[in-house]
Amino acid sequence: RYIVFQEDKKWHAVALELNIVETNNNPEGALSGLFEAVKGYIESAMKAENFGLLDQEIDLEYEKMWNMTMDETQNLKDKIIYDFGEYSPMAV
């Protein structure tokens, strides 16, 4: 799962299950950077046969944000959500 949001005039893209965060001046750049980082991270873990790297504990802040995006009645206050969803980098 991923979320792209704006905070303090910067765009952040987060891969929740891997705790990878990319920051950029625009949301497209943050998301593109995140997808590349996730793909590289997974490829490295597979090459090293260290699959424990793929089982990260999700940061509670991002988990709460994800849950709020699923509930349209919630207000994210100071954050602007650009995009969120599920992505499989190995399917590309």
N, C-alpha and C. Protein backbone atom coordinates (compact mmCIF):
# COMPACT_ATOMS: atom_id res chain seq x y z
N ARG A 1 0.84 -1.18 0.00
CA ARG A 1 0.00 0.00 0.00
C ARG A 1 0.89 1.24 0.00
N TYR A 2 0.37 2.30 -0.58
CA TYR A 2 1.12 3.55 -0.60
C TYR A 2 0.18 4.73 -0.41
N ILE A 3 0.76 5.81 0.06
CA ILE A 3 0.04 7.09 0.22
C ILE A 3 0.98 8.19 -0.25
N VAL A 4 0.42 9.16 -0.96
CA VAL A 4 1.17 10.36 -1.36
C VAL A 4 0.43 11.55 -0.75
N PHE A 5 1.15 12.32 0.04
CA PHE A 5 0.51 13.45 0.72
C PHE A 5 1.45 14.64 0.79
N GLN A 6 0.86 15.82 0.99
CA GLN A 6 1.64 17.04 1.14
C GLN A 6 1.64 17.45 2.60
N GLU A 7 2.84 17.84 3.04
CA GLU A 7 3.00 18.34 4.40
C GLU A 7 4.17 19.32 4.38
N ASP A 8 3.97 20.50 4.94
CA ASP A 8 5.01 21.53 4.98
C ASP A 8 5.57 21.84 3.58
N LYS A 9 4.69 21.97 2.62
CA LYS A 9 5.02 22.37 1.24
C LYS A 9 5.85 21.34 0.48
N LYS A 10 6.02 20.16 1.02
CA LYS A 10 6.72 19.07 0.34
C LYS A 10 5.77 17.90 0.15
N TRP A 11 6.01 17.13 -0.89
CA TRP A 11 5.22 15.94 -1.16
C TRP A 11 5.98 14.71 -0.69
N HIS A 12 5.28 13.83 0.00
CA HIS A 12 5.86 12.61 0.53
C HIS A 12 5.08 11.42 0.00
N ALA A 13 5.79 10.41 -0.46
CA ALA A 13 5.18 9.16 -0.89
C ALA A 13 5.72 8.07 0.02
N VAL A 14 4.81 7.30 0.59
CA VAL A 14 5.16 6.30 1.59
C VAL A 14 4.70 4.91 1.15
N ALA A 15 5.60 3.94 1.24
CA ALA A 15 5.24 2.53 1.09
C ALA A 15 5.05 1.99 2.50
N LEU A 16 3.82 1.77 2.88
CA LEU A 16 3.52 1.45 4.28
C LEU A 16 4.22 0.21 4.79
N GLU A 17 4.13 -0.91 4.07
CA GLU A 17 4.66 -2.16 4.57
C GLU A 17 6.19 -2.22 4.57
N LEU A 18 6.83 -1.33 3.84
CA LEU A 18 8.29 -1.33 3.78
C LEU A 18 8.93 -0.14 4.49
N ASN A 19 8.11 0.78 4.97
CA ASN A 19 8.61 1.99 5.63
C ASN A 19 9.62 2.74 4.77
N ILE A 20 9.30 2.86 3.50
CA ILE A 20 10.12 3.65 2.58
C ILE A 20 9.38 4.94 2.32
N VAL A 21 10.10 6.07 2.42
CA VAL A 21 9.50 7.38 2.18
C VAL A 21 10.36 8.12 1.17
N GLU A 22 9.72 8.65 0.14
CA GLU A 22 10.39 9.51 -0.84
C GLU A 22 9.75 10.88 -0.77
N THR A 23 10.57 11.92 -0.88
CA THR A 23 10.10 13.30 -0.80
C THR A 23 10.50 14.03 -2.07
N ASN A 24 9.61 14.91 -2.54
CA ASN A 24 9.88 15.65 -3.77
C ASN A 24 9.09 16.95 -3.72
N ASN A 25 9.40 17.85 -4.65
CA ASN A 25 8.66 19.11 -4.74
C ASN A 25 7.29 18.94 -5.39
N ASN A 26 7.07 17.80 -6.05
CA ASN A 26 5.75 17.56 -6.66
C ASN A 26 5.34 16.12 -6.38
N PRO A 27 4.03 15.86 -6.40
CA PRO A 27 3.55 14.52 -6.04
C PRO A 27 3.95 13.44 -7.04
N GLU A 28 4.01 13.79 -8.31
CA GLU A 28 4.38 12.80 -9.32
C GLU A 28 5.82 12.32 -9.11
N GLY A 29 6.71 13.26 -8.81
CA GLY A 29 8.10 12.92 -8.56
C GLY A 29 8.26 12.06 -7.32
N ALA A 30 7.51 12.37 -6.28
CA ALA A 30 7.58 11.57 -5.05
C ALA A 30 7.08 10.16 -5.31
N LEU A 31 5.99 10.03 -6.04
CA LEU A 31 5.43 8.70 -6.32
C LEU A 31 6.34 7.89 -7.23
N SER A 32 6.88 8.52 -8.25
CA SER A 32 7.80 7.83 -9.15
C SER A 32 9.04 7.36 -8.39
N GLY A 33 9.57 8.23 -7.56
CA GLY A 33 10.74 7.87 -6.75
C GLY A 33 10.42 6.72 -5.80
N LEU A 34 9.22 6.73 -5.24
CA LEU A 34 8.83 5.66 -4.32
C LEU A 34 8.76 4.33 -5.05
N PHE A 35 8.12 4.30 -6.21
CA PHE A 35 8.00 3.04 -6.95
C PHE A 35 9.37 2.49 -7.32
N GLU A 36 10.29 3.36 -7.72
CA GLU A 36 11.65 2.91 -8.04
C GLU A 36 12.36 2.39 -6.80
N ALA A 37 12.22 3.09 -5.68
CA ALA A 37 12.87 2.68 -4.44
C ALA A 37 12.32 1.33 -3.96
N VAL A 38 11.02 1.15 -4.04
CA VAL A 38 10.40 -0.11 -3.60
C VAL A 38 10.88 -1.26 -4.48
N LYS A 39 10.88 -1.04 -5.78
CA LYS A 39 11.32 -2.09 -6.70
C LYS A 39 12.78 -2.49 -6.40
N GLY A 40 13.65 -1.51 -6.22
CA GLY A 40 15.04 -1.79 -5.91
C GLY A 40 15.21 -2.49 -4.57
N TYR A 41 14.43 -2.09 -3.59
CA TYR A 41 14.50 -2.68 -2.25
C TYR A 41 14.10 -4.15 -2.30
N ILE A 42 13.02 -4.44 -3.00
CA ILE A 42 12.55 -5.82 -3.09
C ILE A 42 13.54 -6.68 -3.88
N GLU A 43 14.05 -6.14 -4.97
CA GLU A 43 15.04 -6.89 -5.76
C GLU A 43 16.29 -7.20 -4.93
N SER A 44 16.74 -6.23 -4.13
CA SER A 44 17.92 -6.44 -3.28
C SER A 44 17.66 -7.49 -2.21
N ALA A 45 16.47 -7.43 -1.60
CA ALA A 45 16.13 -8.41 -0.57
C ALA A 45 16.06 -9.82 -1.16
N MET A 46 15.52 -9.93 -2.36
CA MET A 46 15.42 -11.23 -3.01
C MET A 46 16.81 -11.75 -3.40
N LYS A 47 17.64 -10.87 -3.92
CA LYS A 47 18.99 -11.27 -4.31
C LYS A 47 19.80 -11.75 -3.10
N ALA A 48 19.63 -11.06 -1.98
CA ALA A 48 20.34 -11.42 -0.75
C ALA A 48 19.66 -12.57 -0.01
N GLU A 49 18.50 -12.98 -0.52
CA GLU A 49 17.69 -14.02 0.13
C GLU A 49 17.41 -13.67 1.59
N ASN A 50 17.17 -12.40 1.82
CA ASN A 50 16.85 -11.90 3.15
C ASN A 50 15.40 -11.42 3.14
N PHE A 51 14.48 -12.36 3.18
CA PHE A 51 13.07 -12.03 3.04
C PHE A 51 12.50 -11.37 4.30
N GLY A 52 13.24 -11.41 5.39
CA GLY A 52 12.82 -10.71 6.60
C GLY A 52 12.76 -9.20 6.39
N LEU A 53 13.53 -8.70 5.43
CA LEU A 53 13.50 -7.27 5.12
C LEU A 53 12.14 -6.85 4.58
N LEU A 54 11.39 -7.81 4.07
CA LEU A 54 10.09 -7.49 3.47
C LEU A 54 8.96 -7.54 4.49
N ASP A 55 9.27 -7.80 5.73
CA ASP A 55 8.28 -7.91 6.79
C ASP A 55 8.52 -6.81 7.82
N GLN A 56 8.25 -5.59 7.43
CA GLN A 56 8.49 -4.43 8.28
C GLN A 56 7.25 -4.11 9.11
N GLU A 57 7.47 -3.55 10.28
CA GLU A 57 6.35 -3.07 11.09
C GLU A 57 5.94 -1.69 10.56
N ILE A 58 4.66 -1.53 10.33
CA ILE A 58 4.16 -0.28 9.74
C ILE A 58 4.16 0.84 10.78
N ASP A 59 4.65 2.01 10.37
CA ASP A 59 4.64 3.19 11.22
C ASP A 59 3.18 3.55 11.52
N LEU A 60 2.86 3.73 12.79
CA LEU A 60 1.48 3.99 13.20
C LEU A 60 0.90 5.25 12.57
N GLU A 61 1.72 6.27 12.39
CA GLU A 61 1.24 7.51 11.77
C GLU A 61 0.70 7.24 10.37
N TYR A 62 1.44 6.45 9.60
CA TYR A 62 1.02 6.16 8.23
C TYR A 62 -0.16 5.19 8.19
N GLU A 63 -0.20 4.28 9.13
CA GLU A 63 -1.34 3.35 9.20
C GLU A 63 -2.62 4.12 9.51
N LYS A 64 -2.54 5.06 10.44
CA LYS A 64 -3.70 5.90 10.76
C LYS A 64 -4.13 6.71 9.55
N MET A 65 -3.15 7.26 8.84
CA MET A 65 -3.46 8.04 7.64
C MET A 65 -4.16 7.16 6.60
N TRP A 66 -3.66 5.94 6.41
CA TRP A 66 -4.28 5.00 5.47
C TRP A 66 -5.73 4.74 5.87
N ASN A 67 -5.94 4.46 7.15
CA ASN A 67 -7.30 4.18 7.62
C ASN A 67 -8.22 5.37 7.41
N MET A 68 -7.69 6.56 7.58
CA MET A 68 -8.50 7.76 7.38
C MET A 68 -8.85 7.96 5.91
N THR A 69 -7.97 7.56 5.01
CA THR A 69 -8.29 7.69 3.58
C THR A 69 -9.41 6.72 3.20
N MET A 70 -9.53 5.63 3.93
CA MET A 70 -10.58 4.64 3.65
C MET A 70 -11.93 5.08 4.19
N ASP A 71 -11.92 6.01 5.14
CA ASP A 71 -13.15 6.47 5.79
C ASP A 71 -13.40 7.92 5.37
N GLU A 72 -14.34 8.10 4.45
CA GLU A 72 -14.60 9.44 3.89
C GLU A 72 -15.11 10.43 4.92
N THR A 73 -15.53 9.96 6.11
CA THR A 73 -16.01 10.90 7.12
C THR A 73 -14.86 11.51 7.92
N GLN A 74 -13.65 10.98 7.75
CA GLN A 74 -12.50 11.47 8.51
C GLN A 74 -11.88 12.70 7.83
N ASN A 75 -11.33 13.59 8.64
CA ASN A 75 -10.66 14.78 8.16
C ASN A 75 -9.17 14.64 8.45
N LEU A 76 -8.35 14.80 7.42
CA LEU A 76 -6.90 14.65 7.60
C LEU A 76 -6.23 15.96 8.03
N LYS A 77 -6.99 16.97 8.32
CA LYS A 77 -6.51 18.24 8.85
C LYS A 77 -5.44 18.90 7.98
N ASP A 78 -4.18 18.83 8.38
CA ASP A 78 -3.13 19.60 7.73
C ASP A 78 -2.48 18.87 6.56
N LYS A 79 -3.01 17.73 6.15
CA LYS A 79 -2.40 16.97 5.06
C LYS A 79 -3.32 16.95 3.84
N ILE A 80 -2.73 17.10 2.68
CA ILE A 80 -3.45 16.98 1.42
C ILE A 80 -3.04 15.65 0.80
N ILE A 81 -4.01 14.79 0.56
CA ILE A 81 -3.73 13.48 -0.05
C ILE A 81 -3.82 13.63 -1.56
N TYR A 82 -2.76 13.24 -2.25
CA TYR A 82 -2.72 13.26 -3.70
C TYR A 82 -3.19 11.93 -4.27
N ASP A 83 -2.73 10.84 -3.68
CA ASP A 83 -3.06 9.52 -4.19
C ASP A 83 -2.80 8.48 -3.11
N PHE A 84 -3.47 7.35 -3.21
CA PHE A 84 -3.22 6.22 -2.34
C PHE A 84 -3.73 4.97 -3.04
N GLY A 85 -3.18 3.85 -2.67
CA GLY A 85 -3.64 2.61 -3.28
C GLY A 85 -2.70 1.47 -2.98
N GLU A 86 -2.82 0.44 -3.81
CA GLU A 86 -1.98 -0.73 -3.68
C GLU A 86 -1.18 -0.88 -4.95
N TYR A 87 0.06 -1.33 -4.81
CA TYR A 87 0.99 -1.39 -5.94
C TYR A 87 1.87 -2.61 -5.79
N SER A 88 2.03 -3.35 -6.86
CA SER A 88 2.92 -4.51 -6.85
C SER A 88 4.06 -4.23 -7.80
N PRO A 89 5.24 -3.84 -7.30
CA PRO A 89 6.35 -3.47 -8.19
C PRO A 89 6.86 -4.63 -9.00
N MET A 90 6.66 -5.85 -8.55
CA MET A 90 7.17 -7.01 -9.28
C MET A 90 6.24 -7.38 -10.44
N ALA A 91 5.06 -6.80 -10.48
CA ALA A 91 4.11 -7.10 -11.56
C ALA A 91 4.40 -6.27 -12.81
N VAL A 92 5.26 -5.28 -12.69
CA VAL A 92 5.54 -4.39 -13.81
C VAL A 92 6.53 -5.03 -14.77
